[in-house]
Amino acid sequence: MTDESVLEREMDVALRKIVETLAFYHYDAQTEFSYVPGTYLRTESDGDAADKIILKKDHTGSIIFQDQIPVYWGSYLLTEKNTGRTYEYTIEGEMLMLNLDDQWIEFEKTESPEDGSIPE
């Protein structure tokens, strides 16, 4: 083909055929860790209601003892937002166990925020 317009038309047809073969899939929201978000209160607290862990749907949250520590959560680690320090945790049913300085502390789930917000 020597005519440039014919060549452009053939290229357009070839590219259109390639694009038509692509398949786009609709992916639903992640559900693998949907049981994790919520507010967990310390089960053996000295009456201090401030001992809690809040985990939101967007994989952020807070550990609240004397101070509020912002964290990111993954499948088994809570990572402090500003320092990178990590805490191992596991969830069994409604209980969250946090490894704090080689001591496992239990927290019980009290609520699951629907919108992922931190309750007041």
PDB file of N, CA and C in Angstrom:
ATOM      1  N   MET A   1       0.843  -1.178   0.000  1.00  0.00           N
ATOM      2  CA  MET A   1       0.000   0.000   0.000  1.00  0.00           C
ATOM      3  C   MET A   1       0.885   1.237   0.000  1.00  0.00           C
ATOM      4  N   THR A   2       0.606   2.073  -0.904  1.00  0.00           N
ATOM      5  CA  THR A   2       1.389   3.295  -0.978  1.00  0.00           C
ATOM      6  C   THR A   2       0.579   4.508  -0.588  1.00  0.00           C
ATOM      7  N   ASP A   3      -0.707   4.426  -0.706  1.00  0.00           N
ATOM      8  CA  ASP A   3      -1.547   5.558  -0.350  1.00  0.00           C
ATOM      9  C   ASP A   3      -1.630   5.658   1.175  1.00  0.00           C
ATOM     10  N   GLU A   4      -1.274   6.796   1.717  1.00  0.00           N
ATOM     11  CA  GLU A   4      -1.213   6.986   3.172  1.00  0.00           C
ATOM     12  C   GLU A   4      -2.589   6.868   3.831  1.00  0.00           C
ATOM     13  N   SER A   5      -3.644   7.336   3.198  1.00  0.00           N
ATOM     14  CA  SER A   5      -4.983   7.253   3.797  1.00  0.00           C
ATOM     15  C   SER A   5      -5.462   5.806   3.879  1.00  0.00           C
ATOM     16  N   VAL A   6      -5.103   4.966   2.924  1.00  0.00           N
ATOM     17  CA  VAL A   6      -5.468   3.553   2.962  1.00  0.00           C
ATOM     18  C   VAL A   6      -4.717   2.863   4.100  1.00  0.00           C
ATOM     19  N   LEU A   7      -3.452   3.195   4.241  1.00  0.00           N
ATOM     20  CA  LEU A   7      -2.646   2.627   5.323  1.00  0.00           C
ATOM     21  C   LEU A   7      -3.208   3.024   6.700  1.00  0.00           C
ATOM     22  N   GLU A   8      -3.591   4.292   6.858  1.00  0.00           N
ATOM     23  CA  GLU A   8      -4.175   4.752   8.117  1.00  0.00           C
ATOM     24  C   GLU A   8      -5.489   4.026   8.415  1.00  0.00           C
ATOM     25  N   ARG A   9      -6.317   3.823   7.376  1.00  0.00           N
ATOM     26  CA  ARG A   9      -7.580   3.124   7.562  1.00  0.00           C
ATOM     27  C   ARG A   9      -7.335   1.677   7.992  1.00  0.00           C
ATOM     28  N   GLU A  10      -6.370   1.017   7.372  1.00  0.00           N
ATOM     29  CA  GLU A  10      -6.044  -0.363   7.736  1.00  0.00           C
ATOM     30  C   GLU A  10      -5.511  -0.457   9.169  1.00  0.00           C
ATOM     31  N   MET A  11      -4.705   0.505   9.559  1.00  0.00           N
ATOM     32  CA  MET A  11      -4.191   0.533  10.931  1.00  0.00           C
ATOM     33  C   MET A  11      -5.337   0.763  11.921  1.00  0.00           C
ATOM     34  N   ASP A  12      -6.273   1.649  11.564  1.00  0.00           N
ATOM     35  CA  ASP A  12      -7.421   1.919  12.422  1.00  0.00           C
ATOM     36  C   ASP A  12      -8.262   0.656  12.616  1.00  0.00           C
ATOM     37  N   VAL A  13      -8.496  -0.073  11.540  1.00  0.00           N
ATOM     38  CA  VAL A  13      -9.276  -1.321  11.623  1.00  0.00           C
ATOM     39  C   VAL A  13      -8.534  -2.345  12.479  1.00  0.00           C
ATOM     40  N   ALA A  14      -7.224  -2.471  12.297  1.00  0.00           N
ATOM     41  CA  ALA A  14      -6.439  -3.443  13.054  1.00  0.00           C
ATOM     42  C   ALA A  14      -6.442  -3.107  14.546  1.00  0.00           C
ATOM     43  N   LEU A  15      -6.263  -1.831  14.894  1.00  0.00           N
ATOM     44  CA  LEU A  15      -6.282  -1.428  16.296  1.00  0.00           C
ATOM     45  C   LEU A  15      -7.666  -1.616  16.924  1.00  0.00           C
ATOM     46  N   ARG A  16      -8.727  -1.330  16.154  1.00  0.00           N
ATOM     47  CA  ARG A  16     -10.081  -1.522  16.660  1.00  0.00           C
ATOM     48  C   ARG A  16     -10.332  -3.000  16.974  1.00  0.00           C
ATOM     49  N   LYS A  17      -9.842  -3.892  16.120  1.00  0.00           N
ATOM     50  CA  LYS A  17     -10.002  -5.331  16.378  1.00  0.00           C
ATOM     51  C   LYS A  17      -9.271  -5.756  17.647  1.00  0.00           C
ATOM     52  N   ILE A  18      -8.116  -5.179  17.881  1.00  0.00           N
ATOM     53  CA  ILE A  18      -7.368  -5.497  19.105  1.00  0.00           C
ATOM     54  C   ILE A  18      -8.130  -5.007  20.332  1.00  0.00           C
ATOM     55  N   VAL A  19      -8.628  -3.771  20.304  1.00  0.00           N
ATOM     56  CA  VAL A  19      -9.357  -3.213  21.431  1.00  0.00           C
ATOM     57  C   VAL A  19     -10.628  -4.003  21.706  1.00  0.00           C
ATOM     58  N   GLU A  20     -11.310  -4.469  20.673  1.00  0.00           N
ATOM     59  CA  GLU A  20     -12.540  -5.238  20.851  1.00  0.00           C
ATOM     60  C   GLU A  20     -12.298  -6.590  21.521  1.00  0.00           C
ATOM     61  N   THR A  21     -11.076  -7.096  21.472  1.00  0.00           N
ATOM     62  CA  THR A  21     -10.788  -8.391  22.097  1.00  0.00           C
ATOM     63  C   THR A  21     -10.481  -8.253  23.587  1.00  0.00           C
ATOM     64  N   LEU A  22     -10.264  -7.023  24.062  1.00  0.00           N
ATOM     65  CA  LEU A  22      -9.973  -6.822  25.478  1.00  0.00           C
ATOM     66  C   LEU A  22     -11.237  -7.014  26.306  1.00  0.00           C
ATOM     67  N   ALA A  23     -11.088  -7.661  27.423  1.00  0.00           N
ATOM     68  CA  ALA A  23     -12.213  -7.865  28.332  1.00  0.00           C
ATOM     69  C   ALA A  23     -11.936  -7.118  29.632  1.00  0.00           C
ATOM     70  N   PHE A  24     -12.903  -6.368  30.086  1.00  0.00           N
ATOM     71  CA  PHE A  24     -12.786  -5.637  31.338  1.00  0.00           C
ATOM     72  C   PHE A  24     -13.732  -6.275  32.332  1.00  0.00           C
ATOM     73  N   TYR A  25     -13.225  -6.540  33.510  1.00  0.00           N
ATOM     74  CA  TYR A  25     -14.004  -7.211  34.534  1.00  0.00           C
ATOM     75  C   TYR A  25     -14.350  -6.243  35.648  1.00  0.00           C
ATOM     76  N   HIS A  26     -15.517  -6.446  36.224  1.00  0.00           N
ATOM     77  CA  HIS A  26     -15.924  -5.660  37.385  1.00  0.00           C
ATOM     78  C   HIS A  26     -15.466  -6.409  38.629  1.00  0.00           C
ATOM     79  N   TYR A  27     -14.609  -5.777  39.400  1.00  0.00           N
ATOM     80  CA  TYR A  27     -14.134  -6.392  40.628  1.00  0.00           C
ATOM     81  C   TYR A  27     -14.885  -5.811  41.814  1.00  0.00           C
ATOM     82  N   ASP A  28     -15.396  -6.679  42.663  1.00  0.00           N
ATOM     83  CA  ASP A  28     -16.097  -6.236  43.867  1.00  0.00           C
ATOM     84  C   ASP A  28     -15.092  -5.782  44.913  1.00  0.00           C
ATOM     85  N   ALA A  29     -15.586  -5.132  45.921  1.00  0.00           N
ATOM     86  CA  ALA A  29     -14.740  -4.692  47.027  1.00  0.00           C
ATOM     87  C   ALA A  29     -14.131  -5.896  47.730  1.00  0.00           C
ATOM     88  N   GLN A  30     -12.965  -5.708  48.311  1.00  0.00           N
ATOM     89  CA  GLN A  30     -12.276  -6.777  49.027  1.00  0.00           C
ATOM     90  C   GLN A  30     -13.129  -7.256  50.193  1.00  0.00           C
ATOM     91  N   THR A  31     -13.259  -8.566  50.332  1.00  0.00           N
ATOM     92  CA  THR A  31     -14.034  -9.129  51.440  1.00  0.00           C
ATOM     93  C   THR A  31     -13.195 -10.065  52.303  1.00  0.00           C
ATOM     94  N   GLU A  32     -11.960 -10.304  51.906  1.00  0.00           N
ATOM     95  CA  GLU A  32     -11.113 -11.258  52.627  1.00  0.00           C
ATOM     96  C   GLU A  32     -10.954 -10.893  54.099  1.00  0.00           C
ATOM     97  N   PHE A  33     -10.801  -9.614  54.401  1.00  0.00           N
ATOM     98  CA  PHE A  33     -10.594  -9.179  55.776  1.00  0.00           C
ATOM     99  C   PHE A  33     -11.778  -8.353  56.290  1.00  0.00           C
ATOM    100  N   SER A  34     -12.971  -8.631  55.792  1.00  0.00           N
ATOM    101  CA  SER A  34     -14.148  -7.842  56.178  1.00  0.00           C
ATOM    102  C   SER A  34     -14.532  -8.027  57.649  1.00  0.00           C
ATOM    103  N   TYR A  35     -14.047  -9.086  58.271  1.00  0.00           N
ATOM    104  CA  TYR A  35     -14.353  -9.329  59.686  1.00  0.00           C
ATOM    105  C   TYR A  35     -13.482  -8.490  60.624  1.00  0.00           C
ATOM    106  N   VAL A  36     -12.430  -7.856  60.127  1.00  0.00           N
ATOM    107  CA  VAL A  36     -11.468  -7.151  60.975  1.00  0.00           C
ATOM    108  C   VAL A  36     -11.954  -5.784  61.458  1.00  0.00           C
ATOM    109  N   PRO A  37     -12.493  -4.896  60.604  1.00  0.00           N
ATOM    110  CA  PRO A  37     -12.836  -3.555  61.069  1.00  0.00           C
ATOM    111  C   PRO A  37     -13.804  -3.560  62.248  1.00  0.00           C
ATOM    112  N   GLY A  38     -13.559  -2.643  63.165  1.00  0.00           N
ATOM    113  CA  GLY A  38     -14.413  -2.506  64.334  1.00  0.00           C
ATOM    114  C   GLY A  38     -13.664  -1.870  65.489  1.00  0.00           C
ATOM    115  N   THR A  39     -14.348  -1.787  66.609  1.00  0.00           N
ATOM    116  CA  THR A  39     -13.772  -1.246  67.835  1.00  0.00           C
ATOM    117  C   THR A  39     -13.602  -2.392  68.816  1.00  0.00           C
ATOM    118  N   TYR A  40     -12.403  -2.528  69.349  1.00  0.00           N
ATOM    119  CA  TYR A  40     -12.080  -3.598  70.287  1.00  0.00           C
ATOM    120  C   TYR A  40     -11.692  -2.981  71.628  1.00  0.00           C
ATOM    121  N   LEU A  41     -12.355  -3.419  72.697  1.00  0.00           N
ATOM    122  CA  LEU A  41     -12.040  -2.936  74.037  1.00  0.00           C
ATOM    123  C   LEU A  41     -11.233  -3.982  74.781  1.00  0.00           C
ATOM    124  N   ARG A  42     -10.305  -3.527  75.600  1.00  0.00           N
ATOM    125  CA  ARG A  42      -9.465  -4.433  76.392  1.00  0.00           C
ATOM    126  C   ARG A  42     -10.321  -5.178  77.407  1.00  0.00           C
ATOM    127  N   THR A  43     -10.164  -6.495  77.462  1.00  0.00           N
ATOM    128  CA  THR A  43     -11.025  -7.309  78.325  1.00  0.00           C
ATOM    129  C   THR A  43     -10.595  -7.266  79.783  1.00  0.00           C
ATOM    130  N   GLU A  44      -9.298  -7.168  80.044  1.00  0.00           N
ATOM    131  CA  GLU A  44      -8.813  -7.164  81.430  1.00  0.00           C
ATOM    132  C   GLU A  44      -8.231  -5.804  81.773  1.00  0.00           C
ATOM    133  N   SER A  45      -9.044  -4.801  81.611  1.00  0.00           N
ATOM    134  CA  SER A  45      -8.602  -3.436  81.890  1.00  0.00           C
ATOM    135  C   SER A  45      -8.815  -3.101  83.360  1.00  0.00           C
ATOM    136  N   ASP A  46      -8.059  -2.145  83.851  1.00  0.00           N
ATOM    137  CA  ASP A  46      -8.191  -1.693  85.239  1.00  0.00           C
ATOM    138  C   ASP A  46      -9.321  -0.677  85.363  1.00  0.00           C
ATOM    139  N   GLY A  47     -10.395  -0.876  84.614  1.00  0.00           N
ATOM    140  CA  GLY A  47     -11.492   0.081  84.623  1.00  0.00           C
ATOM    141  C   GLY A  47     -11.232   1.249  83.703  1.00  0.00           C
ATOM    142  N   ASP A  48     -10.120   1.208  82.962  1.00  0.00           N
ATOM    143  CA  ASP A  48      -9.771   2.288  82.047  1.00  0.00           C
ATOM    144  C   ASP A  48     -10.402   2.001  80.691  1.00  0.00           C
ATOM    145  N   ALA A  49     -11.480   2.704  80.385  1.00  0.00           N
ATOM    146  CA  ALA A  49     -12.219   2.472  79.137  1.00  0.00           C
ATOM    147  C   ALA A  49     -11.457   2.965  77.917  1.00  0.00           C
ATOM    148  N   ALA A  50     -10.342   3.658  78.124  1.00  0.00           N
ATOM    149  CA  ALA A  50      -9.593   4.205  76.997  1.00  0.00           C
ATOM    150  C   ALA A  50      -8.722   3.160  76.316  1.00  0.00           C
ATOM    151  N   ASP A  51      -8.567   1.969  76.916  1.00  0.00           N
ATOM    152  CA  ASP A  51      -7.745   0.928  76.308  1.00  0.00           C
ATOM    153  C   ASP A  51      -8.541   0.255  75.208  1.00  0.00           C
ATOM    154  N   LYS A  52      -8.303   0.698  73.959  1.00  0.00           N
ATOM    155  CA  LYS A  52      -9.041   0.113  72.849  1.00  0.00           C
ATOM    156  C   LYS A  52      -8.248   0.208  71.563  1.00  0.00           C
ATOM    157  N   ILE A  53      -8.689  -0.573  70.606  1.00  0.00           N
ATOM    158  CA  ILE A  53      -8.114  -0.578  69.266  1.00  0.00           C
ATOM    159  C   ILE A  53      -9.257  -0.333  68.296  1.00  0.00           C
ATOM    160  N   ILE A  54      -9.078   0.618  67.401  1.00  0.00           N
ATOM    161  CA  ILE A  54     -10.088   0.930  66.396  1.00  0.00           C
ATOM    162  C   ILE A  54      -9.470   0.648  65.030  1.00  0.00           C
ATOM    163  N   LEU A  55     -10.089  -0.237  64.263  1.00  0.00           N
ATOM    164  CA  LEU A  55      -9.617  -0.577  62.928  1.00  0.00           C
ATOM    165  C   LEU A  55     -10.711  -0.251  61.922  1.00  0.00           C
ATOM    166  N   LYS A  56     -10.375   0.567  60.922  1.00  0.00           N
ATOM    167  CA  LYS A  56     -11.348   1.010  59.927  1.00  0.00           C
ATOM    168  C   LYS A  56     -11.216   0.191  58.646  1.00  0.00           C
ATOM    169  N   LYS A  57     -12.252   0.265  57.818  1.00  0.00           N
ATOM    170  CA  LYS A  57     -12.290  -0.512  56.570  1.00  0.00           C
ATOM    171  C   LYS A  57     -11.169  -0.144  55.601  1.00  0.00           C
ATOM    172  N   ASP A  58     -10.659   1.092  55.675  1.00  0.00           N
ATOM    173  CA  ASP A  58      -9.618   1.529  54.745  1.00  0.00           C
ATOM    174  C   ASP A  58      -8.208   1.137  55.199  1.00  0.00           C
ATOM    175  N   HIS A  59      -8.109   0.196  56.144  1.00  0.00           N
ATOM    176  CA  HIS A  59      -6.841  -0.329  56.665  1.00  0.00           C
ATOM    177  C   HIS A  59      -6.052   0.691  57.472  1.00  0.00           C
ATOM    178  N   THR A  60      -6.745   1.670  58.034  1.00  0.00           N
ATOM    179  CA  THR A  60      -6.143   2.588  58.997  1.00  0.00           C
ATOM    180  C   THR A  60      -6.840   2.370  60.333  1.00  0.00           C
ATOM    181  N   GLY A  61      -6.316   2.971  61.370  1.00  0.00           N
ATOM    182  CA  GLY A  61      -6.942   2.835  62.678  1.00  0.00           C
ATOM    183  C   GLY A  61      -6.109   3.472  63.755  1.00  0.00           C
ATOM    184  N   SER A  62      -6.407   3.089  64.999  1.00  0.00           N
ATOM    185  CA  SER A  62      -5.707   3.647  66.151  1.00  0.00           C
ATOM    186  C   SER A  62      -5.606   2.619  67.261  1.00  0.00           C
ATOM    187  N   ILE A  63      -4.477   2.666  67.973  1.00  0.00           N
ATOM    188  CA  ILE A  63      -4.330   1.965  69.236  1.00  0.00           C
ATOM    189  C   ILE A  63      -4.412   3.050  70.291  1.00  0.00           C
ATOM    190  N   ILE A  64      -5.332   2.892  71.244  1.00  0.00           N
ATOM    191  CA  ILE A  64      -5.520   3.931  72.245  1.00  0.00           C
ATOM    192  C   ILE A  64      -5.267   3.336  73.626  1.00  0.00           C
ATOM    193  N   PHE A  65      -4.153   3.730  74.244  1.00  0.00           N
ATOM    194  CA  PHE A  65      -3.865   3.424  75.642  1.00  0.00           C
ATOM    195  C   PHE A  65      -3.866   4.774  76.346  1.00  0.00           C
ATOM    196  N   GLN A  66      -2.703   5.291  76.706  1.00  0.00           N
ATOM    197  CA  GLN A  66      -2.655   6.639  77.266  1.00  0.00           C
ATOM    198  C   GLN A  66      -2.704   7.667  76.142  1.00  0.00           C
ATOM    199  N   ASP A  67      -2.107   7.326  75.023  1.00  0.00           N
ATOM    200  CA  ASP A  67      -2.096   8.188  73.842  1.00  0.00           C
ATOM    201  C   ASP A  67      -2.796   7.464  72.704  1.00  0.00           C
ATOM    202  N   GLN A  68      -3.142   8.213  71.678  1.00  0.00           N
ATOM    203  CA  GLN A  68      -3.729   7.625  70.481  1.00  0.00           C
ATOM    204  C   GLN A  68      -2.629   7.468  69.444  1.00  0.00           C
ATOM    205  N   ILE A  69      -2.393   6.225  69.039  1.00  0.00           N
ATOM    206  CA  ILE A  69      -1.333   5.923  68.078  1.00  0.00           C
ATOM    207  C   ILE A  69      -1.982   5.544  66.751  1.00  0.00           C
ATOM    208  N   PRO A  70      -1.799   6.354  65.699  1.00  0.00           N
ATOM    209  CA  PRO A  70      -2.363   5.995  64.400  1.00  0.00           C
ATOM    210  C   PRO A  70      -1.603   4.805  63.803  1.00  0.00           C
ATOM    211  N   VAL A  71      -2.355   3.849  63.242  1.00  0.00           N
ATOM    212  CA  VAL A  71      -1.746   2.646  62.678  1.00  0.00           C
ATOM    213  C   VAL A  71      -2.370   2.298  61.330  1.00  0.00           C
ATOM    214  N   TYR A  72      -1.642   1.500  60.581  1.00  0.00           N
ATOM    215  CA  TYR A  72      -2.155   0.811  59.401  1.00  0.00           C
ATOM    216  C   TYR A  72      -2.251  -0.653  59.783  1.00  0.00           C
ATOM    217  N   TRP A  73      -3.300  -1.355  59.333  1.00  0.00           N
ATOM    218  CA  TRP A  73      -3.410  -2.770  59.662  1.00  0.00           C
ATOM    219  C   TRP A  73      -3.356  -3.621  58.406  1.00  0.00           C
ATOM    220  N   GLY A  74      -2.719  -4.776  58.574  1.00  0.00           N
ATOM    221  CA  GLY A  74      -2.640  -5.761  57.511  1.00  0.00           C
ATOM    222  C   GLY A  74      -3.194  -7.078  58.011  1.00  0.00           C
ATOM    223  N   SER A  75      -2.754  -8.167  57.435  1.00  0.00           N
ATOM    224  CA  SER A  75      -3.312  -9.469  57.793  1.00  0.00           C
ATOM    225  C   SER A  75      -2.916  -9.925  59.191  1.00  0.00           C
ATOM    226  N   TYR A  76      -1.747  -9.497  59.691  1.00  0.00           N
ATOM    227  CA  TYR A  76      -1.334  -9.918  61.036  1.00  0.00           C
ATOM    228  C   TYR A  76      -0.482  -8.881  61.761  1.00  0.00           C
ATOM    229  N   LEU A  77      -0.278  -7.702  61.169  1.00  0.00           N
ATOM    230  CA  LEU A  77       0.535  -6.657  61.807  1.00  0.00           C
ATOM    231  C   LEU A  77      -0.201  -5.331  61.845  1.00  0.00           C
ATOM    232  N   LEU A  78      -0.036  -4.623  62.944  1.00  0.00           N
ATOM    233  CA  LEU A  78      -0.432  -3.225  63.047  1.00  0.00           C
ATOM    234  C   LEU A  78       0.867  -2.424  62.976  1.00  0.00           C
ATOM    235  N   THR A  79       0.946  -1.480  62.057  1.00  0.00           N
ATOM    236  CA  THR A  79       2.162  -0.696  61.861  1.00  0.00           C
ATOM    237  C   THR A  79       1.890   0.758  62.194  1.00  0.00           C
ATOM    238  N   GLU A  80       2.681   1.312  63.126  1.00  0.00           N
ATOM    239  CA  GLU A  80       2.515   2.717  63.485  1.00  0.00           C
ATOM    240  C   GLU A  80       2.749   3.590  62.266  1.00  0.00           C
ATOM    241  N   LYS A  81       1.884   4.571  62.105  1.00  0.00           N
ATOM    242  CA  LYS A  81       1.920   5.442  60.936  1.00  0.00           C
ATOM    243  C   LYS A  81       3.215   6.239  60.839  1.00  0.00           C
ATOM    244  N   ASN A  82       3.704   6.790  61.940  1.00  0.00           N
ATOM    245  CA  ASN A  82       4.842   7.707  61.880  1.00  0.00           C
ATOM    246  C   ASN A  82       6.186   7.058  62.191  1.00  0.00           C
ATOM    247  N   THR A  83       6.206   5.965  62.931  1.00  0.00           N
ATOM    248  CA  THR A  83       7.490   5.388  63.334  1.00  0.00           C
ATOM    249  C   THR A  83       7.817   4.083  62.620  1.00  0.00           C
ATOM    250  N   GLY A  84       6.818   3.403  62.106  1.00  0.00           N
ATOM    251  CA  GLY A  84       7.064   2.122  61.457  1.00  0.00           C
ATOM    252  C   GLY A  84       7.164   0.956  62.422  1.00  0.00           C
ATOM    253  N   ARG A  85       7.002   1.209  63.724  1.00  0.00           N
ATOM    254  CA  ARG A  85       7.018   0.125  64.716  1.00  0.00           C
ATOM    255  C   ARG A  85       5.812  -0.778  64.462  1.00  0.00           C
ATOM    256  N   THR A  86       5.997  -2.080  64.603  1.00  0.00           N
ATOM    257  CA  THR A  86       4.918  -3.017  64.312  1.00  0.00           C
ATOM    258  C   THR A  86       4.505  -3.799  65.557  1.00  0.00           C
ATOM    259  N   TYR A  87       3.253  -4.216  65.550  1.00  0.00           N
ATOM    260  CA  TYR A  87       2.684  -5.032  66.615  1.00  0.00           C
ATOM    261  C   TYR A  87       1.980  -6.213  65.956  1.00  0.00           C
ATOM    262  N   GLU A  88       2.280  -7.396  66.407  1.00  0.00           N
ATOM    263  CA  GLU A  88       1.619  -8.584  65.878  1.00  0.00           C
ATOM    264  C   GLU A  88       0.244  -8.707  66.527  1.00  0.00           C
ATOM    265  N   TYR A  89      -0.744  -9.133  65.726  1.00  0.00           N
ATOM    266  CA  TYR A  89      -2.073  -9.365  66.283  1.00  0.00           C
ATOM    267  C   TYR A  89      -2.709 -10.546  65.577  1.00  0.00           C
ATOM    268  N   THR A  90      -3.725 -11.104  66.201  1.00  0.00           N
ATOM    269  CA  THR A  90      -4.521 -12.161  65.591  1.00  0.00           C
ATOM    270  C   THR A  90      -5.958 -11.989  66.054  1.00  0.00           C
ATOM    271  N   ILE A  91      -6.878 -12.432  65.218  1.00  0.00           N
ATOM    272  CA  ILE A  91      -8.298 -12.335  65.560  1.00  0.00           C
ATOM    273  C   ILE A  91      -8.897 -13.727  65.514  1.00  0.00           C
ATOM    274  N   GLU A  92      -9.582 -14.079  66.591  1.00  0.00           N
ATOM    275  CA  GLU A  92     -10.314 -15.342  66.661  1.00  0.00           C
ATOM    276  C   GLU A  92     -11.727 -15.019  67.095  1.00  0.00           C
ATOM    277  N   GLY A  93     -12.668 -15.143  66.189  1.00  0.00           N
ATOM    278  CA  GLY A  93     -14.054 -14.788  66.494  1.00  0.00           C
ATOM    279  C   GLY A  93     -14.169 -13.309  66.752  1.00  0.00           C
ATOM    280  N   GLU A  94     -14.659 -12.960  67.937  1.00  0.00           N
ATOM    281  CA  GLU A  94     -14.831 -11.557  68.326  1.00  0.00           C
ATOM    282  C   GLU A  94     -13.669 -11.049  69.184  1.00  0.00           C
ATOM    283  N   MET A  95     -12.617 -11.859  69.315  1.00  0.00           N
ATOM    284  CA  MET A  95     -11.477 -11.483  70.158  1.00  0.00           C
ATOM    285  C   MET A  95     -10.271 -11.121  69.291  1.00  0.00           C
ATOM    286  N   LEU A  96      -9.616 -10.021  69.652  1.00  0.00           N
ATOM    287  CA  LEU A  96      -8.365  -9.609  69.035  1.00  0.00           C
ATOM    288  C   LEU A  96      -7.287  -9.755  70.097  1.00  0.00           C
ATOM    289  N   MET A  97      -6.212 -10.461  69.763  1.00  0.00           N
ATOM    290  CA  MET A  97      -5.082 -10.597  70.665  1.00  0.00           C
ATOM    291  C   MET A  97      -3.916  -9.793  70.090  1.00  0.00           C
ATOM    292  N   LEU A  98      -3.369  -8.889  70.909  1.00  0.00           N
ATOM    293  CA  LEU A  98      -2.277  -8.006  70.503  1.00  0.00           C
ATOM    294  C   LEU A  98      -1.024  -8.381  71.270  1.00  0.00           C
ATOM    295  N   ASN A  99       0.083  -8.590  70.549  1.00  0.00           N
ATOM    296  CA  ASN A  99       1.361  -8.903  71.174  1.00  0.00           C
ATOM    297  C   ASN A  99       2.069  -7.583  71.456  1.00  0.00           C
ATOM    298  N   LEU A 100       2.090  -7.212  72.728  1.00  0.00           N
ATOM    299  CA  LEU A 100       2.709  -5.961  73.144  1.00  0.00           C
ATOM    300  C   LEU A 100       3.880  -6.291  74.059  1.00  0.00           C
ATOM    301  N   ASP A 101       5.093  -6.127  73.545  1.00  0.00           N
ATOM    302  CA  ASP A 101       6.317  -6.438  74.290  1.00  0.00           C
ATOM    303  C   ASP A 101       6.313  -7.881  74.796  1.00  0.00           C
ATOM    304  N   ASP A 102       6.028  -8.821  73.891  1.00  0.00           N
ATOM    305  CA  ASP A 102       5.998 -10.266  74.173  1.00  0.00           C
ATOM    306  C   ASP A 102       4.946 -10.665  75.204  1.00  0.00           C
ATOM    307  N   GLN A 103       3.934  -9.846  75.378  1.00  0.00           N
ATOM    308  CA  GLN A 103       2.809 -10.181  76.245  1.00  0.00           C
ATOM    309  C   GLN A 103       1.540 -10.022  75.412  1.00  0.00           C
ATOM    310  N   TRP A 104       0.727 -11.086  75.366  1.00  0.00           N
ATOM    311  CA  TRP A 104      -0.503 -11.057  74.582  1.00  0.00           C
ATOM    312  C   TRP A 104      -1.625 -10.438  75.410  1.00  0.00           C
ATOM    313  N   ILE A 105      -2.237  -9.389  74.859  1.00  0.00           N
ATOM    314  CA  ILE A 105      -3.325  -8.686  75.518  1.00  0.00           C
ATOM    315  C   ILE A 105      -4.596  -8.920  74.705  1.00  0.00           C
ATOM    316  N   GLU A 106      -5.695  -9.264  75.388  1.00  0.00           N
ATOM    317  CA  GLU A 106      -6.959  -9.561  74.710  1.00  0.00           C
ATOM    318  C   GLU A 106      -7.862  -8.336  74.643  1.00  0.00           C
ATOM    319  N   PHE A 107      -8.511  -8.177  73.503  1.00  0.00           N
ATOM    320  CA  PHE A 107      -9.497  -7.136  73.271  1.00  0.00           C
ATOM    321  C   PHE A 107     -10.743  -7.799  72.701  1.00  0.00           C
ATOM    322  N   GLU A 108     -11.910  -7.314  73.092  1.00  0.00           N
ATOM    323  CA  GLU A 108     -13.163  -7.873  72.596  1.00  0.00           C
ATOM    324  C   GLU A 108     -13.844  -6.864  71.671  1.00  0.00           C
ATOM    325  N   LYS A 109     -14.344  -7.363  70.540  1.00  0.00           N
ATOM    326  CA  LYS A 109     -15.007  -6.498  69.572  1.00  0.00           C
ATOM    327  C   LYS A 109     -16.346  -6.024  70.148  1.00  0.00           C
ATOM    328  N   THR A 110     -16.563  -4.701  70.077  1.00  0.00           N
ATOM    329  CA  THR A 110     -17.797  -4.140  70.618  1.00  0.00           C
ATOM    330  C   THR A 110     -18.714  -3.600  69.537  1.00  0.00           C
ATOM    331  N   GLU A 111     -18.145  -3.196  68.401  1.00  0.00           N
ATOM    332  CA  GLU A 111     -18.964  -2.699  67.303  1.00  0.00           C
ATOM    333  C   GLU A 111     -18.192  -2.761  66.003  1.00  0.00           C
ATOM    334  N   SER A 112     -18.948  -2.785  64.914  1.00  0.00           N
ATOM    335  CA  SER A 112     -18.379  -2.779  63.571  1.00  0.00           C
ATOM    336  C   SER A 112     -18.898  -1.555  62.840  1.00  0.00           C
ATOM    337  N   PRO A 113     -18.090  -0.514  62.705  1.00  0.00           N
ATOM    338  CA  PRO A 113     -18.587   0.689  62.042  1.00  0.00           C
ATOM    339  C   PRO A 113     -18.896   0.416  60.573  1.00  0.00           C
ATOM    340  N   GLU A 114     -20.093   0.760  60.147  1.00  0.00           N
ATOM    341  CA  GLU A 114     -20.521   0.526  58.758  1.00  0.00           C
ATOM    342  C   GLU A 114     -19.758   1.405  57.768  1.00  0.00           C
ATOM    343  N   ASP A 115     -19.483   2.652  58.150  1.00  0.00           N
ATOM    344  CA  ASP A 115     -18.831   3.569  57.237  1.00  0.00           C
ATOM    345  C   ASP A 115     -17.325   3.629  57.426  1.00  0.00           C
ATOM    346  N   GLY A 116     -16.772   2.849  58.365  1.00  0.00           N
ATOM    347  CA  GLY A 116     -15.346   2.842  58.599  1.00  0.00           C
ATOM    348  C   GLY A 116     -14.863   4.003  59.429  1.00  0.00           C
ATOM    349  N   SER A 117     -15.780   4.781  59.995  1.00  0.00           N
ATOM    350  CA  SER A 117     -15.371   5.945  60.772  1.00  0.00           C
ATOM    351  C   SER A 117     -14.983   5.540  62.185  1.00  0.00           C
ATOM    352  N   ILE A 118     -14.263   6.410  62.854  1.00  0.00           N
ATOM    353  CA  ILE A 118     -13.875   6.168  64.236  1.00  0.00           C
ATOM    354  C   ILE A 118     -15.011   6.678  65.113  1.00  0.00           C
ATOM    355  N   PRO A 119     -15.597   5.805  65.948  1.00  0.00           N
ATOM    356  CA  PRO A 119     -16.655   6.259  66.840  1.00  0.00           C
ATOM    357  C   PRO A 119     -16.121   7.247  67.873  1.00  0.00           C
ATOM    358  N   GLU A 120     -16.976   8.150  68.315  1.00  0.00           N
ATOM    359  CA  GLU A 120     -16.582   9.145  69.326  1.00  0.00           C
ATOM    360  C   GLU A 120     -16.562   8.520  70.693  1.00  0.00           C
TER     361      GLU A 120
END
